[in-house]
Amino acid sequence: MNLKKSLTTSKHVVKKSLRSHAWLGLFFSVFLYLVCLSGALVVFFQETERWEQPTVTESAQVDIQQLETAINNAINRAINNQETLPKTLYFAPPSDVIPRAHVSNRSGGYYLNKDGSRGVDMHTPWTDMLSDLHIYLHLPSTIGIILVGLLGAMMLGLMISGILAHPGLFKDAFKLRWGGSRQLEQTDIHNRLSVWSLPFFFIVCLTGAYIGLFSITVFGYDLLDKDTSSGEIVDTIFPAQLDIERPTEPVQLQPMINQLKNQYPEADLMFVTLKNGGSTGQYIEVNLHMPERLVYSEVFRFHNNGDYIDSKHMSDGDWGRQVAYSSYRLHFGQFGPFAIKVLYFFLGIAMTIMVATGVNLWFIKRHRLNRWYALWQGIIWGAPLSFSLALLTSILFGTTVTLSFWVSYLLIAAWFFVANPSHPQQQQRLIKWVKYLRFATLAVIIVSVLSHLIHYDYALLSWFNGFNLILIVTAVLFAFLKKPVKTTFKS
């Protein structure tokens, strides 16, 4: 009995945890909602990249000669001052997920023709908009990624305070009171999703916080540890770049691949990285996906003529390095079969719903059905429509995607706020407006799919129509969801 009592959270702790949980979630709710929703969609970024450019020639066959030609073409353009190459340039062969050979860096890229020559530029504005929203919140990169990292840390704090605030959370794991009191319904949805998805939430929030706050952590070493520099810390986790002084010469890729294939026959070639292309410090990195490992890749470094230099030991080095290099796959669900992506999508939606219902509960418990509640409904239900409008914009115009998203999103939110549903008649109007938003989302997605089909004129039985069908079915399910707003509490 004493043991049970000692393990039971005190009423004081529960009260304080509940208060901090509510205010912490409320203050960051809009950012959390957008990051969670965009994150659920970004899980399929490889599929949406293909869908946005359906006319690019696809092939599942890896052609080393194609990559070697592309690398040397890029080097020659740099040597002849036709192009300034970035310090890091990635050359990716076709894969099962993206069956298109392409070249890329942080600022964009292009696809490769069969002979290794430069093909069309990569143009995926809608996918880029989603990714940029999830990783940077459309802010300058340094500020944005730190803020998103802080949001990941906040979510971890919300998880801890939520568990402390609800001692019976796990005991009531299968209690779901659906269709009765709105407060009980929202409470059960919020708490059940929290319990069922707790391991996923923990992993995603922890890896997101690590990815976003890595730069702050490194900066902290400079301030707190005078014996260790930030550069040394980075080099411990991600080995330093090589300092090579050798004449620039053509890259011989085939000997590198042959050597690695003999040593790691079950590993898959992910991409080849050209470092310092066109300069005396030029060398090659070959990235392999090691079988049955979560690390993003193992990296092997070579001189241009194919002579082996070393390995970065991402998959067999210090455990800290392996954990750090596994964060990407864990965070975005980029491991295992396609079913893993589907699971991550639904769990990401569950996290999004958890954020929405958490704020709903804050209003319901205080009996406040006012303009602020209306604003929150506009934020929740306006985001899918704004994403859909941005999708249509990307198909029709291709260059105003982010602007389209934010203009439509802010207009929807402002309209709901100004409406101020403070009496029963306006409460009924709020229900209709939310319904209209959902059906407008369905209509825009259907128009987007038809516009995409007409614009690119691809075969009716192609892979892309399967993706179109998934988009429409998802939109139909969204449009015919249960009535989202009830009028069972006073303003």
Protein backbone atom coordinates (compact mmCIF):
# COMPACT_ATOMS: atom_id res chain seq x y z
CA MET A 1 0.00 0.00 0.00
CA ASN A 2 2.83 2.39 0.90
CA LEU A 3 4.60 1.50 -2.35
CA LYS A 4 1.47 2.21 -4.36
CA LYS A 5 1.03 5.51 -2.58
CA SER A 6 4.62 6.52 -3.20
CA LEU A 7 4.24 5.84 -6.91
CA THR A 8 0.98 7.80 -7.17
CA THR A 9 1.28 11.35 -8.44
CA SER A 10 0.17 13.87 -5.80
CA LYS A 11 -2.81 16.13 -6.41
CA HIS A 12 -0.54 19.17 -6.25
CA VAL A 13 1.73 17.79 -8.98
CA VAL A 14 -1.29 16.86 -11.08
CA LYS A 15 -2.74 20.35 -10.77
CA LYS A 16 0.52 22.11 -11.58
CA SER A 17 1.23 19.73 -14.48
CA LEU A 18 -2.24 20.22 -15.91
CA ARG A 19 -1.87 23.98 -15.79
CA SER A 20 1.57 24.00 -17.42
CA HIS A 21 0.40 21.45 -20.00
CA ALA A 22 -2.57 23.63 -20.97
CA TRP A 23 -0.72 26.93 -21.26
CA LEU A 24 2.34 25.46 -22.96
CA GLY A 25 0.16 23.77 -25.58
CA LEU A 26 -2.04 26.82 -26.06
CA PHE A 27 0.84 29.25 -26.56
CA PHE A 28 2.52 27.19 -29.30
CA SER A 29 -0.61 25.56 -30.72
CA VAL A 30 -0.62 27.16 -34.20
CA PHE A 31 3.04 26.34 -34.87
CA LEU A 32 2.63 22.83 -33.47
CA TYR A 33 -0.44 22.22 -35.60
CA LEU A 34 1.24 23.34 -38.83
CA VAL A 35 4.44 21.40 -38.15
CA CYS A 36 2.51 18.21 -37.32
CA LEU A 37 0.15 18.43 -40.31
CA SER A 38 2.88 19.30 -42.81
CA GLY A 39 5.07 16.56 -41.31
CA ALA A 40 2.39 13.95 -41.93
CA LEU A 41 2.22 15.00 -45.60
CA VAL A 42 5.99 15.32 -46.05
CA VAL A 43 6.37 11.61 -45.27
CA PHE A 44 5.40 11.07 -48.93
CA PHE A 45 7.74 13.74 -50.33
CA GLN A 46 9.39 11.28 -52.72
CA GLU A 47 6.04 10.26 -54.18
CA THR A 48 4.83 13.86 -54.51
CA GLU A 49 8.10 14.86 -56.22
CA ARG A 50 7.45 12.22 -58.88
CA TRP A 51 3.81 13.27 -59.19
CA GLU A 52 4.68 16.93 -59.71
CA GLN A 53 6.84 16.06 -62.76
CA PRO A 54 5.20 13.02 -64.37
CA THR A 55 6.82 13.50 -67.79
CA VAL A 56 10.37 12.79 -66.61
CA THR A 57 11.71 9.54 -68.08
CA GLU A 58 11.93 6.81 -65.45
CA SER A 59 14.09 3.72 -65.22
CA ALA A 60 14.86 1.31 -62.39
CA GLN A 61 18.28 0.34 -63.77
CA VAL A 62 21.37 1.82 -62.11
CA ASP A 63 23.86 2.96 -64.75
CA ILE A 64 27.28 3.77 -63.28
CA GLN A 65 28.50 5.12 -66.61
CA GLN A 66 25.60 7.59 -66.63
CA LEU A 67 26.65 8.94 -63.21
CA GLU A 68 30.33 9.03 -64.13
CA THR A 69 29.57 11.01 -67.28
CA ALA A 70 27.37 13.43 -65.36
CA ILE A 71 30.08 13.99 -62.72
CA ASN A 72 32.78 14.67 -65.29
CA ASN A 73 30.45 16.93 -67.30
CA ALA A 74 29.88 19.03 -64.18
CA ILE A 75 33.63 19.15 -63.46
CA ASN A 76 34.39 20.25 -67.03
CA ARG A 77 31.78 23.01 -66.83
CA ALA A 78 33.43 24.26 -63.63
CA ILE A 79 36.94 24.11 -65.09
CA ASN A 80 35.80 26.02 -68.21
CA ASN A 81 34.05 28.63 -66.01
CA GLN A 82 30.66 27.69 -67.44
CA GLU A 83 29.23 26.90 -64.02
CA THR A 84 30.18 27.50 -60.39
CA LEU A 85 29.77 24.24 -58.53
CA PRO A 86 28.79 24.11 -54.87
CA LYS A 87 31.26 22.46 -52.50
CA THR A 88 28.90 19.49 -52.26
CA LEU A 89 26.97 18.09 -55.23
CA TYR A 90 24.94 14.88 -55.10
CA PHE A 91 24.55 12.46 -58.04
CA ALA A 92 21.77 9.93 -57.37
CA PRO A 93 21.01 6.85 -59.47
CA PRO A 94 17.43 5.60 -59.98
CA SER A 95 15.92 3.81 -56.98
CA ASP A 96 12.74 1.91 -56.20
CA VAL A 97 11.29 5.03 -54.56
CA ILE A 98 12.49 7.60 -57.13
CA PRO A 99 13.30 5.78 -60.40
CA ARG A 100 15.01 8.83 -61.86
CA ALA A 101 18.72 9.65 -61.99
CA HIS A 102 19.24 13.20 -60.77
CA VAL A 103 21.77 15.75 -59.51
CA SER A 104 20.98 18.03 -56.59
CA ASN A 105 22.18 20.31 -53.85
CA ARG A 106 20.39 22.48 -51.30
CA SER A 107 19.34 25.06 -53.89
CA GLY A 108 17.79 22.67 -56.42
CA GLY A 109 18.82 20.18 -59.06
CA TYR A 110 18.19 18.55 -62.42
CA TYR A 111 17.45 15.13 -63.87
CA LEU A 112 19.88 13.16 -66.01
CA ASN A 113 19.30 11.93 -69.52
CA LYS A 114 20.20 8.33 -70.33
CA ASP A 115 23.60 9.35 -71.74
CA GLY A 116 24.49 11.30 -68.57
CA SER A 117 23.82 14.73 -70.06
CA ARG A 118 21.84 17.34 -68.20
CA GLY A 119 18.08 16.97 -68.46
CA VAL A 120 15.20 19.12 -67.21
CA ASP A 121 15.45 21.00 -63.93
CA MET A 122 13.78 19.56 -60.86
CA HIS A 123 10.61 21.59 -60.32
CA THR A 124 8.56 20.48 -57.30
CA PRO A 125 7.18 23.71 -55.78
CA TRP A 126 4.37 22.12 -53.73
CA THR A 127 6.63 19.48 -52.18
CA ASP A 128 9.28 22.12 -51.53
CA MET A 129 6.68 24.35 -49.86
CA LEU A 130 5.57 21.52 -47.55
CA SER A 131 9.13 20.54 -46.67
CA ASP A 132 10.13 24.14 -46.02
CA LEU A 133 7.09 24.64 -43.79
CA HIS A 134 7.82 21.53 -41.76
CA ILE A 135 11.55 22.13 -41.37
CA TYR A 136 11.75 25.95 -41.29
CA LEU A 137 8.17 27.25 -40.93
CA HIS A 138 8.96 29.35 -44.06
CA LEU A 139 11.38 31.42 -41.97
CA PRO A 140 15.09 32.04 -42.68
CA SER A 141 16.75 28.64 -42.41
CA THR A 142 18.77 29.14 -39.21
CA ILE A 143 15.94 30.79 -37.29
CA GLY A 144 13.33 28.39 -38.67
CA ILE A 145 15.11 25.13 -37.89
CA ILE A 146 15.93 26.29 -34.35
CA LEU A 147 12.29 27.26 -33.77
CA VAL A 148 11.08 23.89 -35.08
CA GLY A 149 13.65 22.17 -32.87
CA LEU A 150 12.29 24.11 -29.90
CA LEU A 151 8.80 22.97 -30.84
CA GLY A 152 10.03 19.37 -30.75
CA ALA A 153 11.41 19.99 -27.27
CA MET A 154 8.09 21.63 -26.30
CA MET A 155 6.21 18.55 -27.48
CA LEU A 156 8.43 16.41 -25.28
CA GLY A 157 7.56 18.73 -22.39
CA LEU A 158 3.86 18.43 -23.23
CA MET A 159 4.14 14.63 -23.23
CA ILE A 160 5.75 14.61 -19.78
CA SER A 161 3.34 17.14 -18.27
CA GLY A 162 0.39 15.35 -19.87
CA ILE A 163 1.37 12.02 -18.32
CA LEU A 164 1.85 13.65 -14.91
CA ALA A 165 -1.43 15.54 -15.23
CA HIS A 166 -3.46 12.37 -15.95
CA PRO A 167 -2.62 9.57 -13.49
CA GLY A 168 -5.30 7.33 -15.04
CA LEU A 169 -4.11 7.88 -18.62
CA PHE A 170 -2.89 4.34 -19.20
CA LYS A 171 -5.60 2.69 -17.12
CA ASP A 172 -8.27 4.23 -19.37
CA ALA A 173 -6.36 3.45 -22.58
CA PHE A 174 -9.41 1.89 -24.27
CA LYS A 175 -12.12 4.24 -23.01
CA LEU A 176 -13.68 6.24 -25.85
CA ARG A 177 -16.94 8.10 -25.17
CA TRP A 178 -17.99 9.02 -28.70
CA GLY A 179 -20.99 11.15 -29.65
CA GLY A 180 -22.08 12.30 -26.18
CA SER A 181 -20.71 15.25 -24.25
CA ARG A 182 -18.33 17.22 -26.42
CA GLN A 183 -15.92 17.71 -23.53
CA LEU A 184 -15.78 13.97 -22.77
CA GLU A 185 -15.47 13.15 -26.46
CA GLN A 186 -12.61 15.57 -27.04
CA THR A 187 -10.92 14.47 -23.82
CA ASP A 188 -11.03 10.80 -24.79
CA ILE A 189 -9.81 11.45 -28.35
CA HIS A 190 -6.94 13.55 -27.00
CA ASN A 191 -5.95 11.10 -24.27
CA ARG A 192 -6.39 7.90 -26.27
CA LEU A 193 -4.28 9.16 -29.16
CA SER A 194 -1.67 10.25 -26.62
CA VAL A 195 -1.44 6.75 -25.14
CA TRP A 196 -1.68 4.72 -28.33
CA SER A 197 0.91 6.80 -30.16
CA LEU A 198 3.23 7.62 -27.26
CA PRO A 199 6.32 5.73 -28.57
CA PHE A 200 5.95 7.36 -31.99
CA PHE A 201 5.45 10.83 -30.52
CA PHE A 202 8.51 10.38 -28.33
CA ILE A 203 10.76 9.27 -31.20
CA VAL A 204 9.56 11.95 -33.63
CA CYS A 205 9.75 14.78 -31.09
CA LEU A 206 13.16 13.69 -29.80
CA THR A 207 14.69 13.39 -33.27
CA GLY A 208 13.03 16.63 -34.37
CA ALA A 209 14.44 18.44 -31.35
CA TYR A 210 17.88 16.98 -32.02
CA ILE A 211 17.87 17.96 -35.70
CA GLY A 212 16.62 21.48 -34.98
CA LEU A 213 18.71 22.25 -31.90
CA PHE A 214 22.00 20.66 -32.94
CA SER A 215 23.51 24.05 -33.79
CA ILE A 216 22.53 25.47 -30.38
CA THR A 217 24.02 22.44 -28.64
CA VAL A 218 27.28 22.89 -30.51
CA PHE A 219 27.31 26.62 -29.70
CA GLY A 220 26.81 25.72 -26.04
CA TYR A 221 30.05 23.76 -26.08
CA ASP A 222 31.91 26.89 -27.14
CA LEU A 223 30.47 28.78 -24.16
CA LEU A 224 30.66 26.11 -21.46
CA ASP A 225 33.67 23.99 -22.38
CA LYS A 226 36.80 25.99 -23.12
CA ASP A 227 38.81 22.83 -23.79
CA THR A 228 36.55 21.61 -26.60
CA SER A 229 35.61 23.68 -29.65
CA SER A 230 32.37 23.39 -31.57
CA GLY A 231 34.35 22.29 -34.63
CA GLU A 232 35.81 19.37 -32.71
CA ILE A 233 32.34 18.32 -31.58
CA VAL A 234 30.99 18.43 -35.15
CA ASP A 235 34.00 16.46 -36.39
CA THR A 236 33.38 13.83 -33.70
CA ILE A 237 29.82 13.26 -34.90
CA PHE A 238 30.30 14.04 -38.59
CA PRO A 239 33.95 13.47 -39.59
CA ALA A 240 35.74 16.50 -41.00
CA GLN A 241 36.04 17.13 -44.72
CA LEU A 242 39.29 16.05 -46.32
CA ASP A 243 41.99 18.58 -47.17
CA ILE A 244 43.45 17.25 -50.42
CA GLU A 245 45.90 18.96 -52.76
CA ARG A 246 45.95 16.95 -55.99
CA PRO A 247 45.61 17.96 -59.63
CA THR A 248 42.03 17.97 -60.89
CA GLU A 249 41.44 14.92 -63.07
CA PRO A 250 38.46 12.99 -64.46
CA VAL A 251 36.57 10.84 -62.00
CA GLN A 252 36.74 7.08 -62.48
CA LEU A 253 33.62 5.91 -60.69
CA GLN A 254 33.41 2.28 -61.81
CA PRO A 255 36.52 1.09 -59.86
CA MET A 256 35.06 2.61 -56.68
CA ILE A 257 31.73 0.86 -57.13
CA ASN A 258 33.40 -2.46 -57.99
CA GLN A 259 35.53 -2.33 -54.86
CA LEU A 260 32.57 -1.58 -52.60
CA LYS A 261 30.34 -4.14 -54.31
CA ASN A 262 32.90 -6.86 -53.60
CA GLN A 263 33.17 -5.81 -49.97
CA TYR A 264 29.46 -5.07 -49.32
CA PRO A 265 27.47 -7.13 -51.86
CA GLU A 266 24.11 -6.57 -50.14
CA ALA A 267 24.45 -2.80 -49.80
CA ASP A 268 22.62 -0.47 -52.21
CA LEU A 269 24.13 2.59 -53.88
CA MET A 270 22.26 5.67 -52.65
CA PHE A 271 24.21 8.47 -54.28
CA VAL A 272 27.69 9.72 -55.15
CA THR A 273 28.90 13.03 -53.74
CA LEU A 274 31.31 15.29 -55.57
CA LYS A 275 33.32 17.34 -53.09
CA ASN A 276 35.03 20.59 -54.17
CA GLY A 277 34.31 19.84 -57.81
CA GLY A 278 36.65 21.42 -60.33
CA SER A 279 39.31 22.40 -57.76
CA THR A 280 42.55 20.87 -56.48
CA GLY A 281 40.71 19.67 -53.36
CA GLN A 282 38.30 17.50 -55.35
CA TYR A 283 37.42 14.00 -54.14
CA ILE A 284 34.49 11.58 -54.21
CA GLU A 285 32.19 10.16 -51.53
CA VAL A 286 30.12 7.05 -52.24
CA ASN A 287 27.07 6.64 -50.01
CA LEU A 288 25.73 3.12 -49.50
CA HIS A 289 22.55 2.07 -47.73
CA MET A 290 23.71 -0.69 -45.42
CA PRO A 291 21.23 -3.57 -45.05
CA GLU A 292 19.20 -3.78 -41.84
CA ARG A 293 20.67 -0.55 -40.45
CA LEU A 294 18.85 2.66 -39.47
CA VAL A 295 21.83 4.91 -40.20
CA TYR A 296 21.14 7.08 -43.21
CA SER A 297 24.13 5.73 -45.12
CA GLU A 298 27.73 4.65 -44.85
CA VAL A 299 30.15 7.03 -46.55
CA PHE A 300 33.31 5.88 -48.34
CA ARG A 301 35.83 8.41 -49.68
CA PHE A 302 37.97 8.03 -52.78
CA HIS A 303 40.49 9.92 -54.85
CA ASN A 304 39.34 10.82 -58.36
CA ASN A 305 41.20 7.85 -59.91
CA GLY A 306 39.36 5.35 -57.69
CA ASP A 307 41.98 4.94 -54.95
CA TYR A 308 40.34 4.31 -51.58
CA ILE A 309 40.90 6.91 -48.83
CA ASP A 310 38.76 5.95 -45.84
CA SER A 311 35.25 5.44 -44.43
CA LYS A 312 33.35 7.84 -42.19
CA HIS A 313 32.25 4.86 -40.02
CA MET A 314 28.65 6.05 -39.77
CA SER A 315 27.37 2.47 -39.41
CA ASP A 316 30.15 0.92 -37.33
CA GLY A 317 31.67 3.85 -35.43
CA ASP A 318 30.90 5.27 -32.00
CA TRP A 319 27.32 4.65 -30.87
CA GLY A 320 26.71 8.40 -30.60
CA ARG A 321 27.59 8.86 -34.24
CA GLN A 322 25.32 5.98 -35.26
CA VAL A 323 22.42 7.42 -33.23
CA ALA A 324 22.94 10.88 -34.69
CA TYR A 325 23.07 9.56 -38.24
CA SER A 326 19.90 7.51 -37.69
CA SER A 327 17.77 10.51 -36.68
CA TYR A 328 16.67 11.36 -40.25
CA ARG A 329 15.24 7.93 -41.06
CA LEU A 330 13.52 7.69 -37.68
CA HIS A 331 12.00 11.15 -37.94
CA PHE A 332 10.64 10.89 -41.48
CA GLY A 333 9.84 7.16 -41.60
CA GLN A 334 12.39 6.55 -44.35
CA PHE A 335 13.08 2.91 -43.54
CA GLY A 336 11.47 -0.44 -44.21
CA PRO A 337 8.63 -1.08 -46.66
CA PHE A 338 6.10 1.45 -47.94
CA ALA A 339 3.75 0.43 -45.10
CA ILE A 340 6.07 2.27 -42.69
CA LYS A 341 5.36 5.51 -44.52
CA VAL A 342 1.63 4.87 -44.34
CA LEU A 343 1.93 4.19 -40.61
CA TYR A 344 3.93 7.40 -40.10
CA PHE A 345 1.29 9.33 -42.03
CA PHE A 346 -1.56 8.13 -39.82
CA LEU A 347 0.47 8.64 -36.65
CA GLY A 348 1.35 12.14 -37.88
CA ILE A 349 -2.35 12.85 -38.39
CA ALA A 350 -2.97 11.48 -34.89
CA MET A 351 -0.44 13.98 -33.52
CA THR A 352 -2.17 16.76 -35.47
CA ILE A 353 -5.57 15.77 -34.04
CA MET A 354 -4.08 15.63 -30.57
CA VAL A 355 -2.91 19.24 -30.89
CA ALA A 356 -6.31 20.35 -32.23
CA THR A 357 -8.35 18.57 -29.54
CA GLY A 358 -6.04 19.85 -26.82
CA VAL A 359 -6.85 23.46 -27.68
CA ASN A 360 -10.53 22.59 -28.19
CA LEU A 361 -10.59 21.31 -24.61
CA TRP A 362 -9.13 24.54 -23.32
CA PHE A 363 -12.08 26.48 -24.81
CA ILE A 364 -14.70 23.88 -23.85
CA LYS A 365 -13.69 23.71 -20.19
CA ARG A 366 -13.96 27.50 -19.93
CA HIS A 367 -17.28 27.62 -21.82
CA ARG A 368 -15.88 30.07 -24.33
CA LEU A 369 -17.43 29.83 -27.77
CA ASN A 370 -16.22 33.24 -28.87
CA ARG A 371 -14.23 34.76 -31.71
CA TRP A 372 -11.00 33.15 -30.45
CA TYR A 373 -12.61 29.73 -30.64
CA ALA A 374 -13.84 30.60 -34.14
CA LEU A 375 -10.30 31.64 -35.08
CA TRP A 376 -8.96 28.28 -33.87
CA GLN A 377 -11.55 26.45 -35.98
CA GLY A 378 -10.42 28.49 -38.98
CA ILE A 379 -6.81 27.52 -38.26
CA ILE A 380 -7.68 23.82 -37.97
CA TRP A 381 -9.96 23.45 -40.95
CA GLY A 382 -8.43 26.19 -43.10
CA ALA A 383 -5.02 24.52 -43.34
CA PRO A 384 -6.15 21.58 -45.56
CA LEU A 385 -7.94 23.99 -47.91
CA SER A 386 -4.88 26.27 -48.05
CA PHE A 387 -2.61 23.31 -48.83
CA SER A 388 -5.04 22.30 -51.58
CA LEU A 389 -5.13 25.81 -53.05
CA ALA A 390 -1.33 25.87 -53.01
CA LEU A 391 -1.38 22.53 -54.86
CA LEU A 392 -3.67 23.96 -57.54
CA THR A 393 -1.50 27.06 -57.77
CA SER A 394 1.61 24.92 -58.25
CA ILE A 395 -0.01 23.12 -61.19
CA LEU A 396 -1.36 26.24 -62.87
CA PHE A 397 1.45 28.72 -62.15
CA GLY A 398 4.28 26.89 -60.35
CA THR A 399 5.94 29.89 -58.71
CA THR A 400 3.52 31.34 -56.15
CA VAL A 401 2.91 28.29 -53.98
CA THR A 402 4.07 29.62 -50.60
CA LEU A 403 2.33 32.95 -51.19
CA SER A 404 -0.87 31.17 -52.17
CA PHE A 405 -0.78 29.07 -49.01
CA TRP A 406 -0.26 31.96 -46.60
CA VAL A 407 -2.66 34.40 -48.26
CA SER A 408 -5.51 31.88 -48.30
CA TYR A 409 -4.69 30.62 -44.80
CA LEU A 410 -4.59 34.08 -43.24
CA LEU A 411 -7.77 35.17 -45.04
CA ILE A 412 -9.66 32.10 -43.80
CA ALA A 413 -8.41 32.60 -40.24
CA ALA A 414 -9.25 36.34 -40.33
CA TRP A 415 -12.75 35.65 -41.64
CA PHE A 416 -13.48 33.19 -38.84
CA PHE A 417 -12.10 35.62 -36.25
CA VAL A 418 -14.13 38.58 -37.49
CA ALA A 419 -17.30 36.46 -37.61
CA ASN A 420 -17.26 36.20 -33.78
CA PRO A 421 -19.90 33.46 -33.14
CA SER A 422 -21.15 34.65 -29.76
CA HIS A 423 -24.81 33.59 -29.92
CA PRO A 424 -26.68 30.44 -31.07
CA GLN A 425 -27.43 31.69 -34.58
CA GLN A 426 -23.79 32.49 -35.28
CA GLN A 427 -22.77 29.19 -33.71
CA GLN A 428 -24.85 27.43 -36.35
CA ARG A 429 -23.16 29.56 -39.00
CA LEU A 430 -19.77 28.47 -37.69
CA ILE A 431 -20.79 24.84 -38.20
CA LYS A 432 -21.80 25.63 -41.80
CA TRP A 433 -18.57 27.53 -42.50
CA VAL A 434 -16.46 24.61 -41.33
CA LYS A 435 -18.57 22.31 -43.52
CA TYR A 436 -18.05 24.61 -46.48
CA LEU A 437 -14.28 24.58 -45.88
CA ARG A 438 -14.20 20.80 -45.97
CA PHE A 439 -16.23 20.56 -49.17
CA ALA A 440 -14.20 23.37 -50.74
CA THR A 441 -11.08 21.31 -50.00
CA LEU A 442 -12.62 18.33 -51.80
CA ALA A 443 -13.56 20.50 -54.78
CA VAL A 444 -10.10 22.09 -55.06
CA ILE A 445 -8.36 18.70 -54.92
CA ILE A 446 -10.62 17.32 -57.66
CA VAL A 447 -9.90 20.38 -59.82
CA SER A 448 -6.18 19.99 -59.07
CA VAL A 449 -6.20 16.33 -60.14
CA LEU A 450 -8.09 17.12 -63.35
CA SER A 451 -5.77 20.06 -64.09
CA HIS A 452 -2.74 17.85 -63.53
CA LEU A 453 -4.14 15.17 -65.84
CA ILE A 454 -4.99 17.67 -68.59
CA HIS A 455 -1.73 19.61 -68.26
CA TYR A 456 0.57 16.57 -68.50
CA ASP A 457 -1.68 14.26 -70.55
CA TYR A 458 -0.36 10.97 -69.16
CA ALA A 459 -1.83 7.49 -69.60
CA LEU A 460 -4.96 6.66 -67.65
CA LEU A 461 -3.42 3.48 -66.26
CA SER A 462 -0.16 5.11 -65.11
CA TRP A 463 1.20 5.22 -61.54
CA PHE A 464 0.21 8.87 -61.33
CA ASN A 465 -3.49 8.12 -61.62
CA GLY A 466 -3.17 5.77 -58.68
CA PHE A 467 -1.79 8.72 -56.74
CA ASN A 468 -4.66 10.89 -58.05
CA LEU A 469 -7.16 8.35 -56.75
CA ILE A 470 -5.54 8.38 -53.31
CA LEU A 471 -5.75 12.19 -53.23
CA ILE A 472 -9.45 12.17 -54.11
CA VAL A 473 -10.36 9.38 -51.68
CA THR A 474 -8.51 11.18 -48.87
CA ALA A 475 -10.33 14.41 -49.71
CA VAL A 476 -13.71 12.62 -49.74
CA LEU A 477 -13.04 11.12 -46.31
CA PHE A 478 -12.00 14.54 -45.04
CA ALA A 479 -15.09 16.24 -46.48
CA PHE A 480 -17.53 13.76 -44.95
CA LEU A 481 -16.04 13.70 -41.47
CA LYS A 482 -18.33 13.82 -38.46
CA LYS A 483 -19.75 17.27 -37.70
CA PRO A 484 -16.75 19.06 -36.12
CA VAL A 485 -18.44 21.78 -34.06
CA LYS A 486 -21.19 21.42 -31.48
CA THR A 487 -23.18 24.08 -29.67
CA THR A 488 -23.45 22.34 -26.33
CA PHE A 489 -21.69 25.03 -24.28
CA LYS A 490 -22.24 28.71 -23.74
CA SER A 491 -20.23 31.65 -24.98
